[in-house]
Amino acid sequence: LGMTNAQINAGLAKIKPEKGRLNRLRGINGSTLIDDTYNASPDPVRAALRVLRDHEASRRIAFLGDMLELGDQEVAQHVEVLNAAVEMADHVHTVGPRMAKAAASFLDDRRSSVTTHETSAAIAEAINAGTLLVAEGDVALVKGSQGMRMERVSEALLHPDLDAADHLPRQSTSWKQIA
């Protein structure tokens, strides 16, 4: 189309991802949040983990919710994804029974880098209470199936100057009322 590389790159730099789709945002305490909470399946989770791995960071923290609707591959896929996560992140926080079961299958030191939580609301509460700390220089990836409501975690990690409704999926009053 007759465009230079500089023009193409300038145009690409202006692209803003859709809410919940690998959106890089300012996080609390000088951290960086990678919000990828729109939905999840094994291949996109592994791709998001590679994005996390490639970020310069003091610590790389993955917040991963269960992946739903995987059928008879459910157990194996959660184990594979969690194996990838512990290789690419310094610490992994999981949400849901499928990820907890995958973490319980670890019989070696990988298990010490994983913390399991029952709900995304529990993680958000811990972040808001200051018992789960994300610090300056940390990069946090948040990913999980829609039903796990991982946007709650992203909202807790989002810099207070940013409006969650402008940057995160499922921020309407009706969505927020769903348990």
N, C-alpha and C. Protein backbone atom coordinates (compact mmCIF):
# COMPACT_ATOMS: atom_id res chain seq x y z
N LEU A 1 0.81 -1.19 0.00
CA LEU A 1 0.00 0.00 0.00
C LEU A 1 0.86 1.26 0.00
N GLY A 2 2.16 1.12 -0.18
CA GLY A 2 3.04 2.27 -0.25
C GLY A 2 3.40 2.87 1.10
N MET A 3 3.15 2.16 2.18
CA MET A 3 3.46 2.68 3.51
C MET A 3 4.87 2.24 3.92
N THR A 4 5.54 3.11 4.67
CA THR A 4 6.86 2.75 5.18
C THR A 4 6.71 1.91 6.44
N ASN A 5 7.80 1.26 6.81
CA ASN A 5 7.77 0.49 8.06
C ASN A 5 7.44 1.39 9.25
N ALA A 6 7.97 2.61 9.26
CA ALA A 6 7.70 3.55 10.35
C ALA A 6 6.21 3.89 10.42
N GLN A 7 5.58 4.09 9.27
CA GLN A 7 4.14 4.39 9.25
C GLN A 7 3.32 3.19 9.75
N ILE A 8 3.70 2.02 9.32
CA ILE A 8 3.01 0.80 9.75
C ILE A 8 3.15 0.63 11.26
N ASN A 9 4.37 0.77 11.76
CA ASN A 9 4.60 0.62 13.20
C ASN A 9 3.86 1.67 14.00
N ALA A 10 3.79 2.89 13.50
CA ALA A 10 3.05 3.96 14.19
C ALA A 10 1.57 3.61 14.26
N GLY A 11 1.02 3.06 13.19
CA GLY A 11 -0.38 2.65 13.18
C GLY A 11 -0.62 1.49 14.14
N LEU A 12 0.27 0.51 14.13
CA LEU A 12 0.12 -0.64 15.03
C LEU A 12 0.19 -0.21 16.50
N ALA A 13 1.02 0.78 16.80
CA ALA A 13 1.16 1.26 18.17
C ALA A 13 -0.13 1.88 18.70
N LYS A 14 -1.00 2.31 17.81
CA LYS A 14 -2.26 2.94 18.22
C LYS A 14 -3.39 1.94 18.49
N ILE A 15 -3.15 0.69 18.14
CA ILE A 15 -4.18 -0.33 18.34
C ILE A 15 -4.37 -0.59 19.82
N LYS A 16 -5.59 -0.55 20.27
CA LYS A 16 -5.93 -0.83 21.66
C LYS A 16 -6.66 -2.17 21.69
N PRO A 17 -6.17 -3.12 22.47
CA PRO A 17 -6.83 -4.42 22.53
C PRO A 17 -8.25 -4.30 23.09
N GLU A 18 -9.09 -5.25 22.73
CA GLU A 18 -10.43 -5.33 23.31
C GLU A 18 -10.29 -5.62 24.81
N LYS A 19 -11.28 -5.23 25.57
CA LYS A 19 -11.27 -5.51 27.00
C LYS A 19 -11.11 -7.01 27.24
N GLY A 20 -10.19 -7.33 28.13
CA GLY A 20 -9.99 -8.73 28.50
C GLY A 20 -9.18 -9.55 27.53
N ARG A 21 -8.53 -8.90 26.56
CA ARG A 21 -7.76 -9.61 25.53
C ARG A 21 -6.30 -9.14 25.55
N LEU A 22 -5.50 -9.74 26.42
CA LEU A 22 -4.08 -9.40 26.56
C LEU A 22 -3.86 -7.88 26.65
N ASN A 23 -4.67 -7.24 27.45
CA ASN A 23 -4.60 -5.80 27.60
C ASN A 23 -3.59 -5.46 28.69
N ARG A 24 -2.53 -4.75 28.31
CA ARG A 24 -1.48 -4.35 29.26
C ARG A 24 -1.91 -3.03 29.91
N LEU A 25 -2.02 -3.06 31.25
CA LEU A 25 -2.53 -1.92 32.00
C LEU A 25 -1.63 -1.61 33.20
N ARG A 26 -1.72 -0.37 33.68
CA ARG A 26 -1.01 -0.03 34.92
C ARG A 26 -1.67 -0.74 36.08
N GLY A 27 -0.86 -1.33 36.92
CA GLY A 27 -1.38 -2.04 38.07
C GLY A 27 -1.08 -1.31 39.37
N ILE A 28 -1.57 -1.87 40.45
CA ILE A 28 -1.35 -1.28 41.77
C ILE A 28 0.13 -1.34 42.15
N ASN A 29 0.52 -0.43 43.00
CA ASN A 29 1.87 -0.42 43.59
C ASN A 29 2.99 -0.40 42.55
N GLY A 30 2.76 0.17 41.39
CA GLY A 30 3.80 0.24 40.36
C GLY A 30 3.99 -1.04 39.58
N SER A 31 3.02 -1.92 39.65
CA SER A 31 3.08 -3.18 38.90
C SER A 31 2.48 -2.99 37.51
N THR A 32 2.58 -4.03 36.71
CA THR A 32 1.94 -4.08 35.39
C THR A 32 0.94 -5.23 35.41
N LEU A 33 -0.25 -4.95 34.91
CA LEU A 33 -1.31 -5.95 34.82
C LEU A 33 -1.50 -6.33 33.37
N ILE A 34 -1.51 -7.62 33.09
CA ILE A 34 -1.90 -8.13 31.77
C ILE A 34 -3.25 -8.79 31.96
N ASP A 35 -4.30 -8.08 31.55
CA ASP A 35 -5.66 -8.58 31.72
C ASP A 35 -6.05 -9.39 30.48
N ASP A 36 -6.22 -10.68 30.65
CA ASP A 36 -6.64 -11.56 29.57
C ASP A 36 -7.80 -12.43 30.06
N THR A 37 -8.79 -11.74 30.66
CA THR A 37 -9.87 -12.42 31.37
C THR A 37 -11.10 -12.71 30.54
N TYR A 38 -11.07 -12.42 29.27
CA TYR A 38 -12.28 -12.61 28.46
C TYR A 38 -12.74 -14.06 28.50
N ASN A 39 -11.81 -15.00 28.32
CA ASN A 39 -12.13 -16.42 28.35
C ASN A 39 -10.82 -17.18 28.31
N ALA A 40 -10.87 -18.51 28.37
CA ALA A 40 -9.63 -19.29 28.37
C ALA A 40 -9.86 -20.70 27.86
N SER A 41 -8.86 -21.16 27.13
CA SER A 41 -8.72 -22.55 26.74
C SER A 41 -7.21 -22.82 26.71
N PRO A 42 -6.79 -24.06 26.62
CA PRO A 42 -5.37 -24.38 26.81
C PRO A 42 -4.38 -23.61 25.93
N ASP A 43 -4.59 -23.56 24.63
CA ASP A 43 -3.61 -22.89 23.77
C ASP A 43 -3.50 -21.39 24.06
N PRO A 44 -4.61 -20.66 24.20
CA PRO A 44 -4.49 -19.24 24.55
C PRO A 44 -3.86 -19.00 25.93
N VAL A 45 -4.09 -19.90 26.88
CA VAL A 45 -3.44 -19.73 28.19
C VAL A 45 -1.93 -19.87 28.04
N ARG A 46 -1.49 -20.87 27.30
CA ARG A 46 -0.04 -21.03 27.08
C ARG A 46 0.54 -19.83 26.34
N ALA A 47 -0.19 -19.29 25.37
CA ALA A 47 0.28 -18.10 24.65
C ALA A 47 0.39 -16.90 25.60
N ALA A 48 -0.60 -16.72 26.46
CA ALA A 48 -0.56 -15.62 27.43
C ALA A 48 0.59 -15.80 28.41
N LEU A 49 0.86 -17.02 28.80
CA LEU A 49 2.00 -17.29 29.68
C LEU A 49 3.32 -16.94 29.01
N ARG A 50 3.43 -17.16 27.70
CA ARG A 50 4.65 -16.76 26.99
C ARG A 50 4.80 -15.24 26.98
N VAL A 51 3.69 -14.52 26.85
CA VAL A 51 3.73 -13.05 26.94
C VAL A 51 4.24 -12.65 28.32
N LEU A 52 3.72 -13.27 29.36
CA LEU A 52 4.18 -12.99 30.72
C LEU A 52 5.67 -13.28 30.85
N ARG A 53 6.10 -14.44 30.39
CA ARG A 53 7.51 -14.85 30.48
C ARG A 53 8.43 -13.85 29.81
N ASP A 54 7.99 -13.27 28.71
CA ASP A 54 8.85 -12.37 27.94
C ASP A 54 8.86 -10.93 28.46
N HIS A 55 8.03 -10.62 29.45
CA HIS A 55 8.02 -9.29 30.05
C HIS A 55 9.18 -9.14 31.01
N GLU A 56 9.86 -8.00 30.96
CA GLU A 56 10.86 -7.69 31.98
C GLU A 56 10.11 -7.43 33.28
N ALA A 57 10.55 -8.06 34.37
CA ALA A 57 9.80 -7.94 35.62
C ALA A 57 10.69 -8.32 36.80
N SER A 58 10.34 -7.76 37.96
CA SER A 58 10.96 -8.22 39.20
C SER A 58 10.46 -9.62 39.51
N ARG A 59 9.14 -9.77 39.41
CA ARG A 59 8.50 -11.08 39.57
C ARG A 59 7.41 -11.20 38.53
N ARG A 60 7.20 -12.42 38.05
CA ARG A 60 6.11 -12.71 37.14
C ARG A 60 5.10 -13.57 37.90
N ILE A 61 3.88 -13.06 37.99
CA ILE A 61 2.85 -13.73 38.78
C ILE A 61 1.68 -14.06 37.85
N ALA A 62 1.28 -15.31 37.84
CA ALA A 62 0.14 -15.73 37.02
C ALA A 62 -1.04 -16.04 37.94
N PHE A 63 -2.19 -15.46 37.59
CA PHE A 63 -3.45 -15.75 38.27
C PHE A 63 -4.30 -16.50 37.25
N LEU A 64 -4.47 -17.80 37.45
CA LEU A 64 -5.12 -18.65 36.45
C LEU A 64 -6.37 -19.32 37.02
N GLY A 65 -7.48 -19.11 36.36
CA GLY A 65 -8.72 -19.77 36.72
C GLY A 65 -8.92 -21.03 35.90
N ASP A 66 -9.82 -21.88 36.37
CA ASP A 66 -10.16 -23.10 35.64
C ASP A 66 -10.53 -22.77 34.19
N MET A 67 -10.23 -23.72 33.32
CA MET A 67 -10.68 -23.68 31.93
C MET A 67 -11.87 -24.63 31.85
N LEU A 68 -12.98 -24.13 31.40
CA LEU A 68 -14.21 -24.91 31.39
C LEU A 68 -14.46 -25.53 30.02
N GLU A 69 -15.34 -26.51 30.00
CA GLU A 69 -15.82 -27.13 28.76
C GLU A 69 -14.72 -27.84 27.96
N LEU A 70 -13.86 -28.58 28.67
CA LEU A 70 -12.78 -29.31 27.99
C LEU A 70 -13.08 -30.80 27.84
N GLY A 71 -14.21 -31.24 28.33
CA GLY A 71 -14.59 -32.64 28.15
C GLY A 71 -13.62 -33.60 28.81
N ASP A 72 -13.37 -34.72 28.13
CA ASP A 72 -12.54 -35.76 28.72
C ASP A 72 -11.06 -35.39 28.79
N GLN A 73 -10.68 -34.26 28.23
CA GLN A 73 -9.30 -33.77 28.31
C GLN A 73 -9.07 -32.81 29.47
N GLU A 74 -10.11 -32.59 30.26
CA GLU A 74 -10.06 -31.59 31.32
C GLU A 74 -8.86 -31.76 32.27
N VAL A 75 -8.69 -32.92 32.83
CA VAL A 75 -7.62 -33.13 33.82
C VAL A 75 -6.25 -32.95 33.16
N ALA A 76 -6.03 -33.61 32.05
CA ALA A 76 -4.73 -33.54 31.38
C ALA A 76 -4.39 -32.12 30.95
N GLN A 77 -5.37 -31.39 30.43
CA GLN A 77 -5.11 -30.02 29.97
C GLN A 77 -4.78 -29.09 31.13
N HIS A 78 -5.45 -29.23 32.26
CA HIS A 78 -5.14 -28.39 33.41
C HIS A 78 -3.73 -28.69 33.94
N VAL A 79 -3.35 -29.95 33.97
CA VAL A 79 -2.00 -30.32 34.41
C VAL A 79 -0.96 -29.74 33.45
N GLU A 80 -1.19 -29.87 32.15
CA GLU A 80 -0.23 -29.34 31.17
C GLU A 80 -0.10 -27.82 31.28
N VAL A 81 -1.21 -27.13 31.40
CA VAL A 81 -1.17 -25.66 31.51
C VAL A 81 -0.47 -25.25 32.80
N LEU A 82 -0.77 -25.92 33.89
CA LEU A 82 -0.14 -25.56 35.16
C LEU A 82 1.36 -25.86 35.13
N ASN A 83 1.75 -26.94 34.47
CA ASN A 83 3.18 -27.22 34.28
C ASN A 83 3.86 -26.08 33.53
N ALA A 84 3.22 -25.61 32.48
CA ALA A 84 3.78 -24.48 31.72
C ALA A 84 3.86 -23.23 32.59
N ALA A 85 2.82 -23.01 33.38
CA ALA A 85 2.77 -21.80 34.22
C ALA A 85 3.92 -21.77 35.23
N VAL A 86 4.21 -22.89 35.88
CA VAL A 86 5.28 -22.88 36.88
C VAL A 86 6.65 -22.73 36.24
N GLU A 87 6.76 -23.05 34.95
CA GLU A 87 8.01 -22.83 34.22
C GLU A 87 8.19 -21.37 33.81
N MET A 88 7.09 -20.65 33.60
CA MET A 88 7.16 -19.29 33.05
C MET A 88 6.88 -18.19 34.06
N ALA A 89 6.38 -18.54 35.23
CA ALA A 89 6.04 -17.54 36.25
C ALA A 89 6.79 -17.86 37.53
N ASP A 90 7.05 -16.82 38.31
CA ASP A 90 7.69 -17.02 39.60
C ASP A 90 6.72 -17.58 40.63
N HIS A 91 5.46 -17.18 40.51
CA HIS A 91 4.44 -17.74 41.38
C HIS A 91 3.12 -17.81 40.60
N VAL A 92 2.33 -18.84 40.92
CA VAL A 92 1.04 -19.04 40.26
C VAL A 92 -0.04 -19.12 41.34
N HIS A 93 -1.08 -18.33 41.17
CA HIS A 93 -2.27 -18.41 42.00
C HIS A 93 -3.36 -19.00 41.14
N THR A 94 -4.01 -20.06 41.61
CA THR A 94 -5.06 -20.68 40.82
C THR A 94 -6.42 -20.48 41.48
N VAL A 95 -7.45 -20.55 40.64
CA VAL A 95 -8.83 -20.45 41.10
C VAL A 95 -9.60 -21.64 40.54
N GLY A 96 -10.29 -22.33 41.43
CA GLY A 96 -11.20 -23.39 40.99
C GLY A 96 -10.70 -24.79 41.27
N PRO A 97 -11.62 -25.73 41.27
CA PRO A 97 -11.29 -27.11 41.62
C PRO A 97 -10.43 -27.83 40.58
N ARG A 98 -10.54 -27.47 39.32
CA ARG A 98 -9.75 -28.15 38.29
C ARG A 98 -8.27 -27.79 38.42
N MET A 99 -7.99 -26.52 38.63
CA MET A 99 -6.60 -26.09 38.82
C MET A 99 -6.05 -26.63 40.15
N ALA A 100 -6.89 -26.67 41.18
CA ALA A 100 -6.45 -27.21 42.47
C ALA A 100 -6.08 -28.68 42.33
N LYS A 101 -6.88 -29.43 41.58
CA LYS A 101 -6.58 -30.84 41.35
C LYS A 101 -5.27 -31.00 40.58
N ALA A 102 -5.05 -30.13 39.60
CA ALA A 102 -3.79 -30.17 38.84
C ALA A 102 -2.61 -29.87 39.77
N ALA A 103 -2.75 -28.89 40.63
CA ALA A 103 -1.67 -28.54 41.57
C ALA A 103 -1.40 -29.69 42.53
N ALA A 104 -2.44 -30.37 42.96
CA ALA A 104 -2.27 -31.49 43.89
C ALA A 104 -1.54 -32.66 43.24
N SER A 105 -1.53 -32.71 41.91
CA SER A 105 -0.83 -33.80 41.22
C SER A 105 0.68 -33.62 41.22
N PHE A 106 1.15 -32.41 41.54
CA PHE A 106 2.60 -32.16 41.57
C PHE A 106 3.19 -32.84 42.80
N LEU A 107 4.20 -33.63 42.59
CA LEU A 107 4.83 -34.33 43.70
C LEU A 107 6.23 -33.79 43.98
N ASP A 108 6.59 -32.70 43.34
CA ASP A 108 7.94 -32.17 43.51
C ASP A 108 7.88 -30.71 43.96
N ASP A 109 9.00 -30.01 43.86
CA ASP A 109 9.09 -28.65 44.37
C ASP A 109 8.26 -27.64 43.56
N ARG A 110 7.71 -28.04 42.42
CA ARG A 110 6.84 -27.13 41.66
C ARG A 110 5.62 -26.74 42.48
N ARG A 111 5.17 -27.61 43.34
CA ARG A 111 3.97 -27.35 44.13
C ARG A 111 4.14 -26.13 45.03
N SER A 112 5.36 -25.86 45.47
CA SER A 112 5.59 -24.72 46.38
C SER A 112 5.42 -23.37 45.67
N SER A 113 5.44 -23.36 44.35
CA SER A 113 5.26 -22.10 43.63
C SER A 113 3.81 -21.86 43.21
N VAL A 114 2.89 -22.70 43.73
CA VAL A 114 1.47 -22.59 43.39
C VAL A 114 0.65 -22.42 44.66
N THR A 115 -0.24 -21.43 44.65
CA THR A 115 -1.20 -21.24 45.73
C THR A 115 -2.59 -21.39 45.13
N THR A 116 -3.41 -22.24 45.75
CA THR A 116 -4.76 -22.47 45.23
C THR A 116 -5.77 -21.65 46.03
N HIS A 117 -6.80 -21.21 45.33
CA HIS A 117 -7.89 -20.43 45.92
C HIS A 117 -9.20 -20.99 45.38
N GLU A 118 -10.24 -20.93 46.18
CA GLU A 118 -11.53 -21.45 45.74
C GLU A 118 -12.20 -20.55 44.72
N THR A 119 -12.11 -19.23 44.93
CA THR A 119 -12.84 -18.29 44.06
C THR A 119 -11.97 -17.09 43.69
N SER A 120 -12.36 -16.44 42.61
CA SER A 120 -11.70 -15.20 42.22
C SER A 120 -11.98 -14.10 43.24
N ALA A 121 -13.16 -14.14 43.86
CA ALA A 121 -13.49 -13.15 44.89
C ALA A 121 -12.53 -13.27 46.07
N ALA A 122 -12.13 -14.49 46.43
CA ALA A 122 -11.19 -14.69 47.53
C ALA A 122 -9.84 -14.05 47.23
N ILE A 123 -9.35 -14.19 46.00
CA ILE A 123 -8.09 -13.55 45.62
C ILE A 123 -8.25 -12.04 45.65
N ALA A 124 -9.32 -11.53 45.08
CA ALA A 124 -9.54 -10.08 45.06
C ALA A 124 -9.58 -9.53 46.48
N GLU A 125 -10.25 -10.23 47.38
CA GLU A 125 -10.30 -9.78 48.78
C GLU A 125 -8.91 -9.77 49.40
N ALA A 126 -8.11 -10.79 49.13
CA ALA A 126 -6.75 -10.85 49.67
C ALA A 126 -5.88 -9.71 49.14
N ILE A 127 -6.02 -9.39 47.86
CA ILE A 127 -5.28 -8.27 47.27
C ILE A 127 -5.73 -6.97 47.92
N ASN A 128 -7.04 -6.77 48.01
CA ASN A 128 -7.57 -5.54 48.59
C ASN A 128 -7.20 -5.38 50.07
N ALA A 129 -7.09 -6.49 50.80
CA ALA A 129 -6.73 -6.46 52.21
C ALA A 129 -5.23 -6.31 52.43
N GLY A 130 -4.45 -6.48 51.35
CA GLY A 130 -3.00 -6.38 51.47
C GLY A 130 -2.32 -7.65 51.94
N THR A 131 -3.04 -8.76 51.98
CA THR A 131 -2.42 -10.02 52.37
C THR A 131 -1.83 -10.78 51.19
N LEU A 132 -2.22 -10.41 49.99
CA LEU A 132 -1.60 -10.93 48.77
C LEU A 132 -1.00 -9.72 48.08
N LEU A 133 0.32 -9.64 48.11
CA LEU A 133 1.00 -8.43 47.66
C LEU A 133 1.52 -8.54 46.24
N VAL A 134 1.30 -7.48 45.50
CA VAL A 134 1.89 -7.28 44.18
C VAL A 134 2.65 -5.97 44.29
N ALA A 135 3.92 -6.00 43.94
CA ALA A 135 4.80 -4.86 44.21
C ALA A 135 5.31 -4.20 42.94
N GLU A 136 6.00 -3.10 43.13
CA GLU A 136 6.59 -2.37 42.01
C GLU A 136 7.51 -3.29 41.22
N GLY A 137 7.37 -3.24 39.92
CA GLY A 137 8.18 -4.06 39.04
C GLY A 137 7.60 -5.43 38.73
N ASP A 138 6.58 -5.84 39.49
CA ASP A 138 5.94 -7.13 39.22
C ASP A 138 5.06 -7.01 37.97
N VAL A 139 4.94 -8.12 37.26
CA VAL A 139 3.99 -8.22 36.15
C VAL A 139 3.04 -9.35 36.49
N ALA A 140 1.75 -9.05 36.45
CA ALA A 140 0.72 -10.03 36.81
C ALA A 140 -0.17 -10.31 35.61
N LEU A 141 -0.27 -11.58 35.25
CA LEU A 141 -1.18 -12.05 34.20
C LEU A 141 -2.41 -12.62 34.87
N VAL A 142 -3.59 -12.22 34.38
CA VAL A 142 -4.85 -12.77 34.90
C VAL A 142 -5.59 -13.40 33.73
N LYS A 143 -5.92 -14.72 33.87
CA LYS A 143 -6.54 -15.47 32.77
C LYS A 143 -7.40 -16.59 33.35
N GLY A 144 -8.53 -16.84 32.73
CA GLY A 144 -9.39 -17.95 33.12
C GLY A 144 -10.67 -17.91 32.33
N SER A 145 -11.40 -19.01 32.36
CA SER A 145 -12.68 -19.06 31.66
C SER A 145 -13.65 -18.05 32.25
N GLN A 146 -14.55 -17.60 31.43
CA GLN A 146 -15.52 -16.57 31.82
C GLN A 146 -16.23 -16.93 33.12
N GLY A 147 -16.60 -18.17 33.28
CA GLY A 147 -17.33 -18.62 34.46
C GLY A 147 -16.55 -18.50 35.75
N MET A 148 -15.24 -18.32 35.67
CA MET A 148 -14.42 -18.19 36.87
C MET A 148 -14.35 -16.76 37.38
N ARG A 149 -14.85 -15.82 36.56
CA ARG A 149 -14.95 -14.41 36.94
C ARG A 149 -13.59 -13.80 37.34
N MET A 150 -12.57 -14.08 36.56
CA MET A 150 -11.22 -13.61 36.86
C MET A 150 -11.08 -12.10 36.73
N GLU A 151 -12.06 -11.44 36.10
CA GLU A 151 -12.01 -9.98 36.01
C GLU A 151 -12.05 -9.34 37.40
N ARG A 152 -12.54 -10.07 38.39
CA ARG A 152 -12.52 -9.58 39.78
C ARG A 152 -11.08 -9.40 40.26
N VAL A 153 -10.22 -10.35 39.88
CA VAL A 153 -8.81 -10.26 40.25
C VAL A 153 -8.17 -9.08 39.53
N SER A 154 -8.46 -8.94 38.24
CA SER A 154 -7.91 -7.80 37.50
C SER A 154 -8.35 -6.48 38.10
N GLU A 155 -9.61 -6.41 38.51
CA GLU A 155 -10.11 -5.16 39.10
C GLU A 155 -9.33 -4.83 40.37
N ALA A 156 -9.03 -5.83 41.19
CA ALA A 156 -8.26 -5.61 42.42
C ALA A 156 -6.82 -5.19 42.11
N LEU A 157 -6.27 -5.67 40.99
CA LEU A 157 -4.89 -5.36 40.61
C LEU A 157 -4.76 -4.06 39.81
N LEU A 158 -5.86 -3.54 39.32
CA LEU A 158 -5.86 -2.35 38.46
C LEU A 158 -5.48 -1.10 39.25
N HIS A 159 -4.64 -0.27 38.66
CA HIS A 159 -4.24 0.99 39.30
C HIS A 159 -5.49 1.80 39.65
N PRO A 160 -5.53 2.40 40.83
CA PRO A 160 -6.74 3.12 41.25
C PRO A 160 -7.11 4.32 40.37
N ASP A 161 -6.18 4.84 39.59
CA ASP A 161 -6.50 5.94 38.68
C ASP A 161 -7.25 5.49 37.44
N LEU A 162 -7.32 4.17 37.21
CA LEU A 162 -7.99 3.65 36.02
C LEU A 162 -9.38 3.15 36.39
N ASP A 163 -10.34 3.43 35.54
CA ASP A 163 -11.71 3.00 35.76
C ASP A 163 -11.89 1.60 35.18
N ALA A 164 -12.26 0.66 36.04
CA ALA A 164 -12.43 -0.73 35.61
C ALA A 164 -13.42 -0.83 34.45
N ALA A 165 -14.48 -0.04 34.46
CA ALA A 165 -15.49 -0.09 33.40
C ALA A 165 -14.90 0.28 32.04
N ASP A 166 -13.86 1.08 32.04
CA ASP A 166 -13.22 1.49 30.78
C ASP A 166 -12.22 0.47 30.26
N HIS A 167 -11.76 -0.44 31.14
CA HIS A 167 -10.64 -1.30 30.76
C HIS A 167 -10.89 -2.80 30.89
N LEU A 168 -11.88 -3.19 31.68
CA LEU A 168 -12.08 -4.62 31.96
C LEU A 168 -13.43 -5.10 31.45
N PRO A 169 -13.52 -6.38 31.10
CA PRO A 169 -14.83 -6.93 30.69
C PRO A 169 -15.72 -7.16 31.90
N ARG A 170 -17.00 -7.31 31.63
CA ARG A 170 -18.01 -7.70 32.62
C ARG A 170 -18.03 -6.78 33.84
N GLN A 171 -18.15 -5.48 33.58
CA GLN A 171 -18.18 -4.51 34.67
C GLN A 171 -19.55 -3.89 34.87
N SER A 172 -20.56 -4.36 34.15
CA SER A 172 -21.90 -3.81 34.33
C SER A 172 -22.46 -4.25 35.69
N THR A 173 -23.44 -3.53 36.16
CA THR A 173 -24.07 -3.84 37.46
C THR A 173 -24.63 -5.26 37.46
N SER A 174 -25.26 -5.65 36.36
CA SER A 174 -25.85 -6.99 36.31
C SER A 174 -24.77 -8.08 36.40
N TRP A 175 -23.63 -7.90 35.72
CA TRP A 175 -22.55 -8.88 35.81
C TRP A 175 -21.97 -8.94 37.22
N LYS A 176 -21.79 -7.78 37.82
CA LYS A 176 -21.17 -7.73 39.14
C LYS A 176 -22.05 -8.37 40.22
N GLN A 177 -23.33 -8.52 39.96
CA GLN A 177 -24.24 -9.13 40.93
C GLN A 177 -24.19 -10.66 40.88
N ILE A 178 -23.60 -11.22 39.84
CA ILE A 178 -23.50 -12.67 39.72
C ILE A 178 -22.44 -13.17 40.69
N ALA A 179 -22.79 -14.18 41.45
CA ALA A 179 -21.85 -14.74 42.45
C ALA A 179 -20.67 -15.40 41.80
